[in-house]
Amino acid sequence: MAFYSVLAVTPTTEDWIPDYIEPANALVAEYGGKYLARTASHEQLEGSDQPSALRIVIEWPSREAASGFMSDPRYLPHLKARSAGSTSVHFLIEGKDDLA
């Protein structure tokens, strides 16, 4: 079953970004992930204001793939840099309809 990472990221500094993109892209692909969206072009349609510079959606083939990526020792220094250099929220969503 597919899982989706849904992130809201607002950089507080851009120092980490050049060293982040290439290794993150390679590791996402290695774990079978696929970027569905990485964009500053988004609008909030309802709810209280939740501003974010970037919205990111990644499709994973499984929970294990998403968890493996997040805990991969090669990714951890980049995660630490992103966490230190941004305000980020990351949800992992199972691709199923509990209300059907």
N, C-alpha and C. Protein backbone atom coordinates (compact mmCIF):
# COMPACT_ATOMS: atom_id res chain seq x y z
N MET A 1 0.84 -1.18 0.00
CA MET A 1 0.00 0.00 0.00
C MET A 1 0.88 1.24 0.00
N ALA A 2 0.51 2.23 -0.76
CA ALA A 2 1.27 3.48 -0.84
C ALA A 2 1.09 4.30 0.43
N PHE A 3 2.12 5.04 0.74
CA PHE A 3 2.11 6.02 1.83
C PHE A 3 2.58 7.34 1.24
N TYR A 4 2.17 8.43 1.85
CA TYR A 4 2.50 9.76 1.35
C TYR A 4 3.10 10.60 2.46
N SER A 5 4.26 11.17 2.19
CA SER A 5 4.82 12.19 3.06
C SER A 5 4.27 13.52 2.58
N VAL A 6 3.69 14.27 3.51
CA VAL A 6 3.17 15.59 3.21
C VAL A 6 3.87 16.56 4.16
N LEU A 7 4.64 17.46 3.57
CA LEU A 7 5.46 18.37 4.36
C LEU A 7 5.10 19.82 4.08
N ALA A 8 5.24 20.63 5.11
CA ALA A 8 5.20 22.08 4.99
C ALA A 8 6.54 22.57 5.53
N VAL A 9 7.29 23.27 4.69
CA VAL A 9 8.64 23.69 5.05
C VAL A 9 8.80 25.18 4.78
N THR A 10 9.24 25.90 5.80
CA THR A 10 9.59 27.31 5.66
C THR A 10 11.03 27.48 6.11
N PRO A 11 11.95 27.69 5.17
CA PRO A 11 13.34 27.90 5.56
C PRO A 11 13.49 29.15 6.43
N THR A 12 14.30 29.03 7.47
CA THR A 12 14.67 30.19 8.28
C THR A 12 16.05 30.68 7.87
N THR A 13 16.77 29.84 7.16
CA THR A 13 18.03 30.16 6.50
C THR A 13 18.12 29.26 5.28
N GLU A 14 18.79 29.73 4.26
CA GLU A 14 18.92 28.92 3.04
C GLU A 14 20.27 28.23 2.95
N ASP A 15 21.08 28.32 4.00
CA ASP A 15 22.43 27.75 3.99
C ASP A 15 22.43 26.25 3.75
N TRP A 16 21.45 25.54 4.23
CA TRP A 16 21.40 24.07 4.16
C TRP A 16 20.90 23.56 2.81
N ILE A 17 20.19 24.38 2.06
CA ILE A 17 19.48 23.92 0.86
C ILE A 17 20.41 23.38 -0.23
N PRO A 18 21.50 24.07 -0.61
CA PRO A 18 22.33 23.52 -1.69
C PRO A 18 22.92 22.13 -1.38
N ASP A 19 23.25 21.87 -0.13
CA ASP A 19 23.80 20.58 0.25
C ASP A 19 22.73 19.53 0.52
N TYR A 20 21.48 19.92 0.51
CA TYR A 20 20.37 19.03 0.85
C TYR A 20 19.76 18.35 -0.39
N ILE A 21 19.54 19.13 -1.42
CA ILE A 21 18.71 18.70 -2.55
C ILE A 21 19.23 17.42 -3.21
N GLU A 22 20.47 17.39 -3.65
CA GLU A 22 20.98 16.23 -4.40
C GLU A 22 20.97 14.94 -3.57
N PRO A 23 21.52 14.95 -2.34
CA PRO A 23 21.49 13.71 -1.56
C PRO A 23 20.07 13.27 -1.20
N ALA A 24 19.19 14.22 -0.89
CA ALA A 24 17.80 13.86 -0.56
C ALA A 24 17.12 13.25 -1.78
N ASN A 25 17.31 13.85 -2.95
CA ASN A 25 16.72 13.31 -4.18
C ASN A 25 17.17 11.87 -4.41
N ALA A 26 18.47 11.63 -4.27
CA ALA A 26 19.02 10.29 -4.51
C ALA A 26 18.47 9.27 -3.52
N LEU A 27 18.36 9.65 -2.27
CA LEU A 27 17.86 8.72 -1.24
C LEU A 27 16.37 8.47 -1.39
N VAL A 28 15.61 9.50 -1.71
CA VAL A 28 14.18 9.30 -1.96
C VAL A 28 14.01 8.27 -3.07
N ALA A 29 14.74 8.42 -4.16
CA ALA A 29 14.65 7.48 -5.28
C ALA A 29 15.10 6.08 -4.86
N GLU A 30 16.17 6.00 -4.08
CA GLU A 30 16.68 4.71 -3.63
C GLU A 30 15.63 3.94 -2.83
N TYR A 31 14.82 4.65 -2.05
CA TYR A 31 13.79 4.02 -1.25
C TYR A 31 12.46 3.87 -1.99
N GLY A 32 12.48 4.14 -3.29
CA GLY A 32 11.28 3.96 -4.10
C GLY A 32 10.31 5.12 -4.02
N GLY A 33 10.75 6.23 -3.45
CA GLY A 33 9.88 7.40 -3.34
C GLY A 33 9.82 8.19 -4.63
N LYS A 34 8.74 8.91 -4.79
CA LYS A 34 8.53 9.72 -5.98
C LYS A 34 7.94 11.06 -5.53
N TYR A 35 8.60 12.15 -5.91
CA TYR A 35 8.06 13.47 -5.60
C TYR A 35 6.84 13.72 -6.47
N LEU A 36 5.71 13.98 -5.84
CA LEU A 36 4.50 14.35 -6.58
C LEU A 36 4.36 15.86 -6.66
N ALA A 37 4.90 16.56 -5.65
CA ALA A 37 4.88 18.02 -5.64
C ALA A 37 6.00 18.53 -4.75
N ARG A 38 6.68 19.55 -5.22
CA ARG A 38 7.65 20.34 -4.44
C ARG A 38 7.50 21.75 -4.96
N THR A 39 6.74 22.56 -4.24
CA THR A 39 6.37 23.83 -4.83
C THR A 39 6.10 24.93 -3.81
N ALA A 40 6.36 26.14 -4.24
CA ALA A 40 5.96 27.32 -3.48
C ALA A 40 4.60 27.81 -3.98
N SER A 41 4.08 27.18 -5.04
CA SER A 41 2.78 27.56 -5.61
C SER A 41 1.68 26.74 -4.94
N HIS A 42 1.10 27.30 -3.91
CA HIS A 42 0.01 26.63 -3.19
C HIS A 42 -0.85 27.68 -2.52
N GLU A 43 -2.06 27.31 -2.25
CA GLU A 43 -2.96 28.21 -1.53
C GLU A 43 -3.77 27.40 -0.54
N GLN A 44 -4.04 28.01 0.58
CA GLN A 44 -4.85 27.37 1.61
C GLN A 44 -6.31 27.68 1.32
N LEU A 45 -7.13 26.65 1.26
CA LEU A 45 -8.53 26.84 0.91
C LEU A 45 -9.47 26.90 2.11
N GLU A 46 -9.05 26.35 3.26
CA GLU A 46 -9.89 26.44 4.44
C GLU A 46 -9.06 26.28 5.70
N GLY A 47 -9.68 26.58 6.84
CA GLY A 47 -9.01 26.42 8.12
C GLY A 47 -8.23 27.66 8.53
N SER A 48 -7.71 27.62 9.77
CA SER A 48 -6.93 28.74 10.26
C SER A 48 -5.62 28.82 9.48
N ASP A 49 -5.09 30.01 9.37
CA ASP A 49 -3.93 30.27 8.54
C ASP A 49 -2.74 29.40 8.95
N GLN A 50 -2.21 28.65 8.00
CA GLN A 50 -1.04 27.78 8.18
C GLN A 50 -0.03 28.12 7.10
N PRO A 51 0.62 29.28 7.20
CA PRO A 51 1.55 29.66 6.14
C PRO A 51 2.76 28.73 6.06
N SER A 52 3.25 28.55 4.86
CA SER A 52 4.44 27.74 4.62
C SER A 52 5.03 28.17 3.29
N ALA A 53 6.34 28.23 3.23
CA ALA A 53 7.00 28.61 1.97
C ALA A 53 6.87 27.52 0.93
N LEU A 54 7.02 26.25 1.35
CA LEU A 54 7.00 25.13 0.42
C LEU A 54 6.04 24.05 0.90
N ARG A 55 5.40 23.40 -0.04
CA ARG A 55 4.61 22.20 0.24
C ARG A 55 5.23 21.08 -0.59
N ILE A 56 5.42 19.94 0.06
CA ILE A 56 6.09 18.81 -0.58
C ILE A 56 5.24 17.57 -0.36
N VAL A 57 5.03 16.79 -1.42
CA VAL A 57 4.32 15.53 -1.33
C VAL A 57 5.19 14.46 -1.98
N ILE A 58 5.48 13.40 -1.22
CA ILE A 58 6.28 12.29 -1.72
C ILE A 58 5.45 11.02 -1.59
N GLU A 59 5.37 10.25 -2.65
CA GLU A 59 4.70 8.95 -2.62
C GLU A 59 5.74 7.87 -2.34
N TRP A 60 5.44 7.00 -1.37
CA TRP A 60 6.31 5.89 -1.01
C TRP A 60 5.60 4.58 -1.30
N PRO A 61 6.34 3.53 -1.65
CA PRO A 61 5.69 2.24 -1.90
C PRO A 61 5.21 1.54 -0.63
N SER A 62 5.72 1.97 0.53
CA SER A 62 5.34 1.32 1.79
C SER A 62 5.74 2.21 2.97
N ARG A 63 5.20 1.91 4.14
CA ARG A 63 5.59 2.59 5.37
C ARG A 63 7.08 2.35 5.64
N GLU A 64 7.52 1.10 5.37
CA GLU A 64 8.91 0.74 5.62
C GLU A 64 9.86 1.58 4.76
N ALA A 65 9.47 1.85 3.52
CA ALA A 65 10.32 2.68 2.65
C ALA A 65 10.43 4.09 3.21
N ALA A 66 9.31 4.67 3.63
CA ALA A 66 9.34 6.02 4.20
C ALA A 66 10.16 6.07 5.48
N SER A 67 9.95 5.09 6.35
CA SER A 67 10.69 5.03 7.61
C SER A 67 12.17 4.77 7.36
N GLY A 68 12.47 3.92 6.39
CA GLY A 68 13.86 3.64 6.05
C GLY A 68 14.58 4.89 5.58
N PHE A 69 13.92 5.67 4.74
CA PHE A 69 14.49 6.92 4.28
C PHE A 69 14.77 7.86 5.45
N MET A 70 13.77 8.05 6.29
CA MET A 70 13.90 8.99 7.40
C MET A 70 14.98 8.59 8.39
N SER A 71 15.22 7.30 8.54
CA SER A 71 16.21 6.85 9.53
C SER A 71 17.55 6.44 8.90
N ASP A 72 17.69 6.59 7.59
CA ASP A 72 18.93 6.22 6.93
C ASP A 72 20.07 7.10 7.45
N PRO A 73 21.16 6.50 7.91
CA PRO A 73 22.28 7.29 8.43
C PRO A 73 22.84 8.30 7.43
N ARG A 74 22.68 8.03 6.13
CA ARG A 74 23.15 8.98 5.12
C ARG A 74 22.24 10.20 5.03
N TYR A 75 20.97 10.05 5.46
CA TYR A 75 20.03 11.17 5.42
C TYR A 75 20.06 11.99 6.71
N LEU A 76 20.38 11.37 7.82
CA LEU A 76 20.27 12.04 9.12
C LEU A 76 20.99 13.38 9.20
N PRO A 77 22.21 13.56 8.67
CA PRO A 77 22.82 14.89 8.74
C PRO A 77 22.05 15.93 7.94
N HIS A 78 21.41 15.50 6.84
CA HIS A 78 20.62 16.43 6.03
C HIS A 78 19.31 16.78 6.73
N LEU A 79 18.71 15.79 7.39
CA LEU A 79 17.51 16.04 8.18
C LEU A 79 17.82 17.01 9.31
N LYS A 80 18.95 16.80 9.96
CA LYS A 80 19.36 17.70 11.05
C LYS A 80 19.54 19.12 10.53
N ALA A 81 20.18 19.27 9.37
CA ALA A 81 20.38 20.59 8.78
C ALA A 81 19.05 21.23 8.39
N ARG A 82 18.14 20.44 7.80
CA ARG A 82 16.82 20.99 7.44
C ARG A 82 16.05 21.40 8.68
N SER A 83 16.10 20.57 9.71
CA SER A 83 15.38 20.88 10.95
C SER A 83 15.93 22.14 11.61
N ALA A 84 17.25 22.31 11.58
CA ALA A 84 17.87 23.49 12.18
C ALA A 84 17.63 24.75 11.35
N GLY A 85 17.49 24.57 10.02
CA GLY A 85 17.39 25.71 9.12
C GLY A 85 16.00 25.99 8.60
N SER A 86 14.99 25.39 9.23
CA SER A 86 13.62 25.62 8.75
C SER A 86 12.62 25.32 9.86
N THR A 87 11.42 25.77 9.62
CA THR A 87 10.28 25.32 10.39
C THR A 87 9.58 24.31 9.50
N SER A 88 9.48 23.06 9.97
CA SER A 88 8.96 21.99 9.13
C SER A 88 7.93 21.16 9.88
N VAL A 89 6.94 20.71 9.14
CA VAL A 89 5.95 19.76 9.64
C VAL A 89 5.88 18.64 8.62
N HIS A 90 5.90 17.38 9.09
CA HIS A 90 5.92 16.23 8.19
C HIS A 90 4.88 15.22 8.67
N PHE A 91 3.94 14.92 7.83
CA PHE A 91 2.94 13.89 8.10
C PHE A 91 3.20 12.71 7.18
N LEU A 92 3.05 11.49 7.70
CA LEU A 92 3.07 10.29 6.87
C LEU A 92 1.63 9.77 6.84
N ILE A 93 1.08 9.67 5.63
CA ILE A 93 -0.34 9.34 5.45
C ILE A 93 -0.45 8.04 4.68
N GLU A 94 -1.21 7.11 5.23
CA GLU A 94 -1.46 5.85 4.55
C GLU A 94 -2.45 6.09 3.43
N GLY A 95 -2.17 5.54 2.25
CA GLY A 95 -3.02 5.75 1.07
C GLY A 95 -4.25 4.86 1.09
N LYS A 96 -5.15 5.12 2.03
CA LYS A 96 -6.39 4.35 2.09
C LYS A 96 -7.53 5.26 2.50
N ASP A 97 -8.74 4.79 2.30
CA ASP A 97 -9.94 5.57 2.63
C ASP A 97 -10.64 4.89 3.78
N ASP A 98 -10.44 5.39 4.99
CA ASP A 98 -11.09 4.83 6.17
C ASP A 98 -12.59 5.14 6.24
N LEU A 99 -13.04 6.04 5.39
CA LEU A 99 -14.45 6.45 5.44
C LEU A 99 -15.29 5.82 4.34
N ALA A 100 -14.68 4.98 3.53
CA ALA A 100 -15.42 4.35 2.42
C ALA A 100 -16.32 3.25 2.97
